[in-house]
Amino acid sequence: MDDIAAGRPTEETLDPKDWSDVEALAHKIVDDGVSYLRDVRDRPVWREMPADVKAFFRSSLPRSPAPLADVYREVAENVMPYPMGNVHPRFWAWYMGASNFAGALGDFLAAVQGSNVGGGNHAATMVDQQVVNWCKEMVGFPASASGTLVAGGSMANIIGLNVARNVKAGIDVREHGVAAMEKPLRYYGSDQIHSCHRKGMEALGLGNRALRRIPTDTALRIDLTALRAAIAEDRAAGFQPACVIGTAGTVNTGAIDDLQALASLAEDENLWFHVDGCIGALIAITRSNAYRVAGIERADSVALDPHKWLHSPIEAGCALIRDAAAHRNTFAVTPEYLEMTPRGLASANWLSDYSLQTSRGFRALKVWMALKEHGIEKFGRLIDQNIEQAHYLSALVEAEPLLELVAPTNISIVCFRYRADGMSAGDLKALNTEIMLRLQEEGTAVLSDTTVNGAHCLRVAIDNHRTRRSDLDLLIQETIRLGDKIVKESKAS
């Protein structure tokens, strides 16, 4: 007896009634995706959404079905033409990577398979663990170390800081909480440290004041003498120095702390040594620039970002912990419904024991597929290429009297500004901000801005495998054109 005859509601599914229609649409979507990346250089880097497009996103909750082809048409018309722009060769605002097609296919296939990578005995967890193992190999960590894939660099850093807190707390902080610690912990990083570390201190219950920002030297690296003095001062004041955070590529200028010296200092002072390598850790895989991050292999924990210089589609971060037991002990909880079995699906370790997430997406496949397709040596060459391009851009700036470098170029971040005689600091900031905004609005290039040693400047962060020197030539040309134009406008007004 069928459901209708029996008076039962008809059972439903989200699967289509006609798979052939879906198959044809899927082919079109893939074809459009290939064209989208193939022709990316022909489109503006970024453009403002028209009012009607913004209004489209304020429509009410859909209550009745629509054909999938119509849904895709709305995506094609209202979403795809208005990206953030980071896959474009002239997107240099922030370190985000430029994605890659194999990775995009990996994201699609991972979603089709639909596996939850919180753990279990299945292929997705094996891919996840293999990618973590490859990340360990990239930075020189031992095979016995632990690691976990997370959303991005901020979460990877917080994982490392969390393990450091639990190891250095002196009590079972998971059971008794930070209030039970005999001495408040202190962490140390440079005054160029990424803002996620403040969030980490707050989330861990230690508070922002537990993170001491140490002055930097002329190269914008953490000042080791000032660091030692701060540690001694805190000990004398009754605090417990716990962790030093070395930065392998600061977000402002790309400066890299002396990781070898920090590793030795941490050993001498009995501190946990964490490296924020979200920008620069993967320089370790290069042929020409690996020396810049020497010492990263001595860290107790490292945060890195495959969605930056491995160009994985966002999101993909990785936290590596040298002490695997300390890592698991920081997060593992085994409720009765997650107990291991001698055979079957639950006969493998739960990867959720290594982070805060129980449900975890299959983010490893997009990294795995791109590494398989291109090999690690090519990614190393691309990093070397970006670093060379940054120094090429620096030389262009130095050769142009209307431009000036504001900070030394270390890896692939160039900080510079247009200068005009007789302008105050405030006027120069307004001028350079206007240059940045017009570059964006004209679709030419997307830069960001920052302040280094009190000087406002434009910031070009090159971690883009599509960038060419000709793009940098165009940037200089357009910066000078716009700067000249804005100065003339201001004099005429």
Protein backbone atom coordinates (compact mmCIF):
# COMPACT_ATOMS: atom_id res chain seq x y z
CA MET A 1 0.00 0.00 0.00
CA ASP A 2 1.40 3.41 -0.94
CA ASP A 3 1.54 6.40 1.38
CA ILE A 4 -1.45 8.19 -0.14
CA ALA A 5 -3.67 5.13 0.06
CA ALA A 6 -2.58 4.53 3.62
CA GLY A 7 -3.28 8.12 4.60
CA ARG A 8 0.39 8.81 5.38
CA PRO A 9 2.26 11.95 4.28
CA THR A 10 4.33 11.42 1.15
CA GLU A 11 7.98 10.96 2.04
CA GLU A 12 10.28 13.57 0.52
CA THR A 13 13.94 14.04 -0.29
CA LEU A 14 16.25 16.85 -1.37
CA ASP A 15 17.44 14.77 -4.32
CA PRO A 16 16.11 15.86 -7.73
CA LYS A 17 13.39 13.97 -9.51
CA ASP A 18 15.39 14.12 -12.73
CA TRP A 19 19.13 13.71 -12.27
CA SER A 20 19.77 14.36 -15.97
CA ASP A 21 18.68 18.01 -15.61
CA VAL A 22 21.00 18.45 -12.63
CA GLU A 23 23.85 16.81 -14.52
CA ALA A 24 23.46 19.22 -17.43
CA LEU A 25 23.37 22.22 -15.07
CA ALA A 26 26.42 20.94 -13.17
CA HIS A 27 28.37 20.76 -16.43
CA LYS A 28 27.39 24.36 -17.17
CA ILE A 29 28.46 25.49 -13.70
CA VAL A 30 31.87 23.84 -14.10
CA ASP A 31 32.26 25.38 -17.58
CA ASP A 32 31.38 28.79 -16.16
CA GLY A 33 33.84 28.26 -13.31
CA VAL A 34 36.66 27.51 -15.75
CA SER A 35 35.83 30.66 -17.71
CA TYR A 36 35.65 32.69 -14.50
CA LEU A 37 39.23 31.84 -13.55
CA ARG A 38 40.60 31.79 -17.09
CA ASP A 39 39.35 35.31 -17.75
CA VAL A 40 39.86 36.77 -14.28
CA ARG A 41 42.46 39.29 -15.51
CA ASP A 42 39.88 40.83 -17.86
CA ARG A 43 37.55 41.82 -15.01
CA PRO A 44 37.86 44.58 -12.38
CA VAL A 45 39.57 43.44 -9.20
CA TRP A 46 36.62 44.78 -7.19
CA ARG A 47 33.55 46.82 -7.91
CA GLU A 48 30.73 48.30 -5.89
CA MET A 49 27.42 46.46 -6.03
CA PRO A 50 24.58 48.48 -7.59
CA ALA A 51 21.61 49.35 -5.42
CA ASP A 52 19.38 46.73 -7.07
CA VAL A 53 21.90 43.97 -6.30
CA LYS A 54 22.11 45.01 -2.66
CA ALA A 55 18.30 45.06 -2.55
CA PHE A 56 18.26 41.49 -3.91
CA PHE A 57 20.03 40.31 -0.74
CA ARG A 58 17.33 41.83 1.43
CA SER A 59 14.58 39.63 -0.02
CA SER A 60 12.50 37.61 2.40
CA LEU A 61 12.88 33.94 3.34
CA PRO A 62 12.00 31.62 0.42
CA ARG A 63 9.02 29.44 1.30
CA SER A 64 8.29 27.65 -1.96
CA PRO A 65 10.65 25.85 -4.35
CA ALA A 66 12.32 27.30 -7.42
CA PRO A 67 14.07 25.46 -10.25
CA LEU A 68 17.77 24.98 -9.55
CA ALA A 69 18.60 26.57 -12.90
CA ASP A 70 16.85 29.75 -11.74
CA VAL A 71 18.73 29.67 -8.44
CA TYR A 72 22.03 29.39 -10.29
CA ARG A 73 21.06 32.24 -12.61
CA GLU A 74 20.59 34.45 -9.54
CA VAL A 75 24.04 33.42 -8.29
CA ALA A 76 25.59 34.15 -11.69
CA GLU A 77 23.96 37.57 -11.86
CA ASN A 78 24.22 38.77 -8.26
CA VAL A 79 27.13 36.93 -6.58
CA MET A 80 29.85 35.99 -9.04
CA PRO A 81 30.36 39.49 -10.55
CA TYR A 82 30.98 41.06 -7.13
CA PRO A 83 33.76 39.10 -5.38
CA MET A 84 36.15 40.28 -2.72
CA GLY A 85 38.68 39.92 -5.50
CA ASN A 86 41.47 37.86 -3.95
CA VAL A 87 41.69 35.47 -6.92
CA HIS A 88 42.55 38.45 -9.18
CA PRO A 89 46.25 39.02 -10.03
CA ARG A 90 46.11 42.60 -8.72
CA PHE A 91 44.58 41.87 -5.33
CA TRP A 92 47.26 42.76 -2.78
CA ALA A 93 45.28 44.06 0.20
CA TRP A 94 45.78 41.16 2.59
CA TYR A 95 47.39 37.72 2.63
CA MET A 96 44.58 35.49 1.41
CA GLY A 97 46.03 33.40 -1.40
CA ALA A 98 44.53 33.30 -4.87
CA SER A 99 42.84 29.87 -4.80
CA ASN A 100 43.30 27.25 -7.52
CA PHE A 101 41.05 25.14 -9.67
CA ALA A 102 42.06 21.74 -8.28
CA GLY A 103 41.30 23.06 -4.81
CA ALA A 104 37.90 24.28 -5.96
CA LEU A 105 37.15 20.82 -7.32
CA GLY A 106 38.31 19.39 -4.00
CA ASP A 107 35.83 21.60 -2.15
CA PHE A 108 33.07 20.42 -4.47
CA LEU A 109 33.93 16.74 -4.11
CA ALA A 110 34.26 17.07 -0.34
CA ALA A 111 30.79 18.57 -0.21
CA VAL A 112 29.40 15.81 -2.46
CA GLN A 113 30.86 13.13 -0.22
CA GLY A 114 29.59 15.05 2.80
CA SER A 115 31.82 13.41 5.39
CA ASN A 116 32.08 14.77 8.90
CA VAL A 117 35.78 14.73 9.72
CA GLY A 118 35.30 14.87 13.47
CA GLY A 119 36.81 11.40 13.38
CA GLY A 120 36.11 7.80 12.55
CA ASN A 121 37.45 5.11 10.29
CA HIS A 122 36.88 6.49 6.79
CA ALA A 123 38.85 7.99 3.92
CA ALA A 124 38.23 11.67 4.72
CA THR A 125 39.95 11.40 8.11
CA MET A 126 42.90 9.68 6.45
CA VAL A 127 43.23 12.54 3.95
CA ASP A 128 42.98 15.02 6.82
CA GLN A 129 45.75 13.32 8.78
CA GLN A 130 47.92 13.02 5.69
CA VAL A 131 47.68 16.75 5.00
CA VAL A 132 48.63 17.45 8.63
CA ASN A 133 51.60 15.11 8.25
CA TRP A 134 52.65 16.93 5.09
CA CYS A 135 52.43 20.26 6.93
CA LYS A 136 54.69 18.86 9.65
CA GLU A 137 57.19 17.82 7.00
CA MET A 138 57.06 21.26 5.35
CA VAL A 139 58.20 23.09 8.50
CA GLY A 140 60.57 20.40 9.77
CA PHE A 141 58.46 19.06 12.64
CA PRO A 142 59.01 15.44 13.74
CA ALA A 143 56.62 12.73 12.62
CA SER A 144 55.66 12.20 16.28
CA ALA A 145 54.20 15.72 16.49
CA SER A 146 50.48 16.39 16.39
CA GLY A 147 48.32 18.75 14.40
CA THR A 148 44.84 19.71 13.35
CA LEU A 149 43.24 21.50 10.42
CA VAL A 150 41.12 24.50 11.39
CA ALA A 151 39.35 27.39 9.69
CA GLY A 152 42.37 29.65 9.38
CA GLY A 153 45.36 31.25 11.02
CA SER A 154 43.54 32.92 13.89
CA MET A 155 42.10 29.62 15.08
CA ALA A 156 45.41 27.85 14.52
CA ASN A 157 47.15 30.39 16.74
CA ILE A 158 44.50 30.07 19.44
CA ILE A 159 44.95 26.27 19.41
CA GLY A 160 48.68 26.72 20.08
CA LEU A 161 48.14 29.34 22.79
CA ASN A 162 45.56 27.10 24.44
CA VAL A 163 47.94 24.14 24.67
CA ALA A 164 50.64 26.45 26.02
CA ARG A 165 48.28 27.70 28.74
CA ASN A 166 47.36 24.21 29.87
CA VAL A 167 50.97 23.00 29.91
CA LYS A 168 52.26 26.03 31.84
CA ALA A 169 49.31 26.58 34.19
CA GLY A 170 50.78 24.45 36.98
CA ILE A 171 47.33 23.00 37.72
CA ASP A 172 44.63 21.06 35.90
CA VAL A 173 43.21 24.19 34.33
CA ARG A 174 40.55 22.25 32.44
CA GLU A 175 39.10 21.06 35.72
CA HIS A 176 39.67 24.05 37.98
CA GLY A 177 39.87 27.02 35.62
CA VAL A 178 42.31 29.90 35.35
CA ALA A 179 41.18 31.39 38.68
CA ALA A 180 42.82 28.48 40.49
CA MET A 181 46.30 29.21 39.10
CA GLU A 182 48.79 30.26 41.77
CA LYS A 183 50.48 32.80 39.51
CA PRO A 184 48.92 34.64 36.56
CA LEU A 185 50.50 33.62 33.25
CA ARG A 186 52.28 36.01 30.94
CA TYR A 187 52.73 35.66 27.19
CA TYR A 188 55.12 37.76 25.07
CA GLY A 189 55.07 38.92 21.47
CA SER A 190 56.30 41.90 19.51
CA ASP A 191 54.38 45.15 19.15
CA GLN A 192 53.73 44.01 15.55
CA ILE A 193 51.84 40.89 16.65
CA HIS A 194 48.58 39.97 14.92
CA SER A 195 45.33 40.95 16.62
CA CYS A 196 44.18 37.32 16.87
CA HIS A 197 46.53 36.86 19.79
CA ARG A 198 44.61 39.40 21.81
CA LYS A 199 41.41 37.51 20.98
CA GLY A 200 43.16 34.34 22.10
CA MET A 201 44.17 35.82 25.45
CA GLU A 202 40.62 36.97 26.04
CA ALA A 203 39.06 33.67 24.97
CA LEU A 204 41.45 31.73 27.23
CA GLY A 205 40.40 33.78 30.23
CA LEU A 206 43.88 35.29 30.64
CA GLY A 207 42.94 38.78 29.51
CA ASN A 208 44.60 41.20 27.14
CA ARG A 209 47.06 42.38 29.80
CA ALA A 210 48.51 38.88 29.98
CA LEU A 211 50.02 39.48 26.54
CA ARG A 212 53.00 41.82 26.78
CA ARG A 213 53.86 43.64 23.57
CA ILE A 214 57.63 43.93 23.34
CA PRO A 215 59.22 46.78 21.36
CA THR A 216 60.80 46.00 18.00
CA ASP A 217 64.18 46.86 16.51
CA THR A 218 64.85 48.87 13.37
CA ALA A 219 63.94 45.83 11.24
CA LEU A 220 60.61 45.57 13.14
CA ARG A 221 61.63 42.28 14.81
CA ILE A 222 61.06 41.62 18.49
CA ASP A 223 63.83 43.19 20.60
CA LEU A 224 65.49 40.32 22.44
CA THR A 225 67.05 42.52 25.14
CA ALA A 226 63.69 44.10 25.90
CA LEU A 227 62.08 40.64 25.94
CA ARG A 228 64.55 39.29 28.51
CA ALA A 229 64.01 42.37 30.67
CA ALA A 230 60.22 41.95 30.54
CA ILE A 231 60.46 38.28 31.55
CA ALA A 232 62.70 39.12 34.52
CA GLU A 233 60.41 41.97 35.54
CA ASP A 234 57.34 39.75 35.47
CA ARG A 235 58.98 37.02 37.51
CA ALA A 236 60.00 39.56 40.12
CA ALA A 237 56.43 40.87 40.22
CA GLY A 238 54.98 37.41 40.92
CA PHE A 239 53.78 36.49 37.45
CA GLN A 240 54.54 33.23 35.64
CA PRO A 241 56.17 33.76 32.22
CA ALA A 242 54.64 31.02 30.07
CA CYS A 243 54.97 31.57 26.33
CA VAL A 244 56.88 33.61 23.79
CA ILE A 245 55.22 34.13 20.41
CA GLY A 246 57.59 34.51 17.49
CA THR A 247 56.20 35.94 14.28
CA ALA A 248 57.29 34.54 10.93
CA GLY A 249 55.99 37.40 8.84
CA THR A 250 54.22 40.27 10.56
CA VAL A 251 50.97 41.41 9.04
CA ASN A 252 52.11 45.03 8.72
CA THR A 253 55.46 44.62 6.97
CA GLY A 254 56.34 40.91 6.73
CA ALA A 255 59.13 41.22 9.31
CA ILE A 256 60.36 37.88 10.66
CA ASP A 257 61.56 37.59 14.23
CA ASP A 258 64.89 35.89 14.91
CA LEU A 259 63.35 32.47 15.41
CA GLN A 260 66.64 30.75 16.26
CA ALA A 261 67.34 33.24 19.02
CA LEU A 262 63.78 33.03 20.32
CA ALA A 263 63.95 29.23 20.42
CA SER A 264 67.13 29.39 22.49
CA LEU A 265 65.69 32.06 24.78
CA ALA A 266 62.55 29.98 25.34
CA GLU A 267 64.67 26.97 26.27
CA ASP A 268 66.75 29.05 28.70
CA GLU A 269 63.68 30.60 30.31
CA ASN A 270 61.53 27.44 30.29
CA LEU A 271 58.90 29.05 28.09
CA TRP A 272 56.61 27.55 25.49
CA PHE A 273 57.75 28.73 22.04
CA HIS A 274 54.89 29.37 19.65
CA VAL A 275 55.42 30.62 16.10
CA ASP A 276 52.72 32.54 14.29
CA GLY A 277 53.66 31.43 10.80
CA CYS A 278 50.39 32.24 9.07
CA ILE A 279 52.15 34.53 6.64
CA GLY A 280 55.67 33.15 6.45
CA ALA A 281 55.92 29.60 7.80
CA LEU A 282 55.68 28.09 4.33
CA ILE A 283 58.78 29.99 3.24
CA ALA A 284 60.41 26.88 4.70
CA ILE A 285 59.55 25.01 1.48
CA THR A 286 61.39 27.47 -0.78
CA ARG A 287 64.82 27.05 -2.33
CA SER A 288 65.96 30.69 -2.16
CA ASN A 289 64.34 32.07 1.00
CA ALA A 290 64.01 29.19 3.48
CA TYR A 291 66.86 30.64 5.54
CA ARG A 292 64.54 33.46 6.61
CA VAL A 293 62.49 31.13 8.85
CA ALA A 294 65.34 29.00 10.22
CA GLY A 295 64.43 27.98 13.75
CA ILE A 296 60.75 27.39 13.10
CA GLU A 297 61.41 23.66 13.38
CA ARG A 298 62.40 24.21 17.05
CA ALA A 299 59.00 25.63 18.04
CA ASP A 300 56.63 23.90 20.46
CA SER A 301 53.71 24.94 18.25
CA VAL A 302 53.26 26.55 14.85
CA ALA A 303 50.25 28.14 13.18
CA LEU A 304 50.19 28.19 9.39
CA ASP A 305 47.70 28.87 6.62
CA PRO A 306 47.36 26.63 3.55
CA HIS A 307 44.87 29.13 2.15
CA LYS A 308 47.67 31.68 1.85
CA TRP A 309 50.83 30.48 0.09
CA LEU A 310 49.43 27.03 -0.78
CA HIS A 311 46.52 28.91 -2.39
CA SER A 312 43.90 26.57 -1.01
CA PRO A 313 40.35 27.88 -1.33
CA ILE A 314 39.40 29.50 1.97
CA GLU A 315 39.07 28.12 4.69
CA ALA A 316 42.18 26.13 5.56
CA GLY A 317 44.44 26.68 8.57
CA CYS A 318 46.69 24.28 10.44
CA ALA A 319 47.97 24.13 14.01
CA LEU A 320 51.01 21.93 14.69
CA ILE A 321 51.96 20.86 18.23
CA ARG A 322 55.28 19.17 18.95
CA ASP A 323 53.96 17.37 22.08
CA ALA A 324 51.10 15.23 20.78
CA ALA A 325 50.01 14.16 24.27
CA ALA A 326 49.79 17.75 25.47
CA HIS A 327 47.73 18.59 22.39
CA ARG A 328 45.21 15.83 22.97
CA ASN A 329 45.06 16.44 26.71
CA THR A 330 44.05 20.03 26.07
CA PHE A 331 40.90 19.19 24.12
CA ALA A 332 39.93 15.52 24.40
CA VAL A 333 36.53 14.66 25.82
CA THR A 334 35.07 11.19 25.29
CA PRO A 335 31.32 11.00 25.88
CA GLU A 336 29.64 7.62 25.74
CA TYR A 337 28.41 8.19 22.19
CA LEU A 338 31.97 8.69 20.91
CA GLU A 339 33.63 5.72 22.55
CA MET A 340 35.93 3.75 20.25
CA THR A 341 34.93 0.30 19.06
CA PRO A 342 37.24 -2.61 18.14
CA ARG A 343 35.97 -2.63 14.54
CA GLY A 344 33.77 -0.56 12.25
CA LEU A 345 33.33 3.17 11.75
CA ALA A 346 34.24 4.18 15.31
CA SER A 347 37.44 2.11 15.42
CA ALA A 348 39.75 5.10 14.78
CA ASN A 349 40.75 8.11 16.87
CA TRP A 350 38.41 11.07 16.97
CA LEU A 351 40.05 14.11 15.38
CA SER A 352 37.67 16.26 17.42
CA ASP A 353 39.96 15.47 20.37
CA TYR A 354 42.49 17.95 18.97
CA SER A 355 40.41 21.13 18.68
CA LEU A 356 37.19 22.75 19.87
CA GLN A 357 35.11 21.46 16.97
CA THR A 358 33.20 18.20 17.12
CA SER A 359 31.75 18.50 13.62
CA ARG A 360 34.52 19.25 11.13
CA GLY A 361 34.26 19.82 7.41
CA PHE A 362 36.36 17.88 4.91
CA ARG A 363 38.65 20.86 4.24
CA ALA A 364 41.72 18.68 3.67
CA LEU A 365 40.75 17.41 0.22
CA LYS A 366 41.23 20.77 -1.52
CA VAL A 367 44.75 21.04 -0.07
CA TRP A 368 45.54 17.40 -0.86
CA MET A 369 44.43 17.61 -4.49
CA ALA A 370 46.42 20.77 -5.25
CA LEU A 371 49.57 19.39 -3.63
CA LYS A 372 49.16 16.19 -5.62
CA GLU A 373 48.62 18.09 -8.88
CA HIS A 374 51.51 20.57 -8.58
CA GLY A 375 53.97 19.12 -6.05
CA ILE A 376 55.49 21.05 -3.17
CA GLU A 377 58.48 22.28 -5.18
CA LYS A 378 56.24 24.37 -7.42
CA PHE A 379 54.59 26.02 -4.46
CA GLY A 380 58.06 26.81 -3.14
CA ARG A 381 58.97 28.43 -6.46
CA LEU A 382 55.78 30.50 -6.39
CA ILE A 383 56.68 31.83 -2.93
CA ASP A 384 60.17 32.72 -4.15
CA GLN A 385 58.49 34.41 -7.13
CA ASN A 386 56.28 36.57 -4.90
CA ILE A 387 59.24 37.60 -2.75
CA GLU A 388 61.21 38.56 -5.87
CA GLN A 389 58.21 40.52 -7.15
CA ALA A 390 58.00 42.48 -3.87
CA HIS A 391 61.64 43.48 -4.16
CA TYR A 392 61.03 44.43 -7.79
CA LEU A 393 58.17 46.69 -6.64
CA SER A 394 60.40 48.19 -3.94
CA ALA A 395 62.98 49.07 -6.58
CA LEU A 396 60.29 50.75 -8.67
CA VAL A 397 59.23 52.81 -5.65
CA GLU A 398 62.80 53.82 -4.84
CA ALA A 399 63.38 54.89 -8.45
CA GLU A 400 60.36 57.21 -8.45
CA PRO A 401 60.86 60.65 -6.79
CA LEU A 402 57.12 60.98 -6.03
CA LEU A 403 57.07 57.75 -4.01
CA GLU A 404 58.88 56.56 -0.90
CA LEU A 405 59.24 53.33 1.06
CA VAL A 406 57.96 53.59 4.63
CA ALA A 407 59.40 50.27 5.89
CA PRO A 408 62.10 47.88 4.72
CA THR A 409 60.83 45.16 2.39
CA ASN A 410 61.61 41.79 3.91
CA ILE A 411 59.50 39.12 2.23
CA SER A 412 56.54 40.11 0.06
CA ILE A 413 54.91 43.12 1.76
CA VAL A 414 55.80 46.55 0.42
CA CYS A 415 54.84 49.64 2.43
CA PHE A 416 55.10 52.90 0.51
CA ARG A 417 53.32 56.18 -0.07
CA TYR A 418 52.90 58.99 -2.55
CA ARG A 419 54.50 62.12 -1.17
CA ALA A 420 53.87 65.78 -1.96
CA ASP A 421 56.01 68.65 -0.76
CA GLY A 422 54.60 70.80 2.02
CA MET A 423 51.84 68.40 3.05
CA SER A 424 51.16 67.66 6.71
CA ALA A 425 51.01 64.08 7.99
CA GLY A 426 47.22 64.29 8.05
CA ASP A 427 47.04 65.55 4.48
CA LEU A 428 49.43 62.84 3.30
CA LYS A 429 47.24 60.22 4.96
CA ALA A 430 44.13 61.62 3.29
CA LEU A 431 45.92 61.74 -0.08
CA ASN A 432 47.18 58.16 0.06
CA THR A 433 43.86 56.86 1.37
CA GLU A 434 42.14 58.51 -1.59
CA ILE A 435 44.64 56.91 -3.98
CA MET A 436 43.87 53.51 -2.43
CA LEU A 437 40.11 54.00 -2.71
CA ARG A 438 40.24 55.19 -6.31
CA LEU A 439 42.41 52.22 -7.29
CA GLN A 440 39.70 49.99 -5.83
CA GLU A 441 36.77 51.86 -7.34
CA GLU A 442 38.35 51.93 -10.79
CA GLY A 443 38.90 48.17 -10.53
CA THR A 444 42.64 48.54 -11.12
CA ALA A 445 44.07 47.08 -7.92
CA VAL A 446 43.12 46.43 -4.32
CA LEU A 447 45.63 47.56 -1.71
CA SER A 448 45.24 48.09 2.01
CA ASP A 449 46.78 50.74 4.22
CA THR A 450 48.51 50.66 7.58
CA THR A 451 50.66 52.71 9.93
CA VAL A 452 54.31 51.83 10.53
CA ASN A 453 56.33 53.72 13.14
CA GLY A 454 53.70 56.44 13.11
CA ALA A 455 53.74 56.86 9.32
CA HIS A 456 50.58 56.07 7.34
CA CYS A 457 51.24 54.22 4.10
CA LEU A 458 49.86 52.02 1.36
CA ARG A 459 50.47 48.32 1.85
CA VAL A 460 50.94 45.82 -0.98
CA ALA A 461 50.88 42.20 0.20
CA ILE A 462 51.86 39.89 -2.66
CA ASP A 463 50.83 36.27 -2.12
CA ASN A 464 49.22 35.74 -5.50
CA HIS A 465 50.35 33.15 -8.03
CA ARG A 466 48.70 35.15 -10.86
CA THR A 467 50.62 38.40 -10.25
CA ARG A 468 53.14 39.43 -12.91
CA ARG A 469 55.76 42.21 -12.92
CA SER A 470 53.64 44.05 -15.48
CA ASP A 471 50.89 44.29 -12.85
CA LEU A 472 53.34 46.02 -10.52
CA ASP A 473 54.44 48.38 -13.29
CA LEU A 474 50.77 49.29 -13.76
CA LEU A 475 50.35 49.86 -10.02
CA ILE A 476 53.19 52.39 -9.93
CA GLN A 477 51.92 54.12 -13.07
CA GLU A 478 48.37 54.43 -11.73
CA THR A 479 49.46 55.46 -8.22
CA ILE A 480 51.44 58.37 -9.65
CA ARG A 481 48.63 59.31 -12.05
CA LEU A 482 46.05 59.36 -9.28
CA GLY A 483 48.35 61.10 -6.83
CA ASP A 484 49.06 63.86 -9.32
CA LYS A 485 45.37 64.19 -10.13
CA ILE A 486 44.28 64.39 -6.47
CA VAL A 487 46.96 66.98 -5.65
CA LYS A 488 45.79 69.13 -8.58
CA GLU A 489 42.18 68.76 -7.46
CA SER A 490 43.05 69.83 -3.92
CA LYS A 491 44.93 72.91 -5.17
CA ALA A 492 42.04 73.89 -7.41
CA SER A 493 39.42 73.60 -4.67
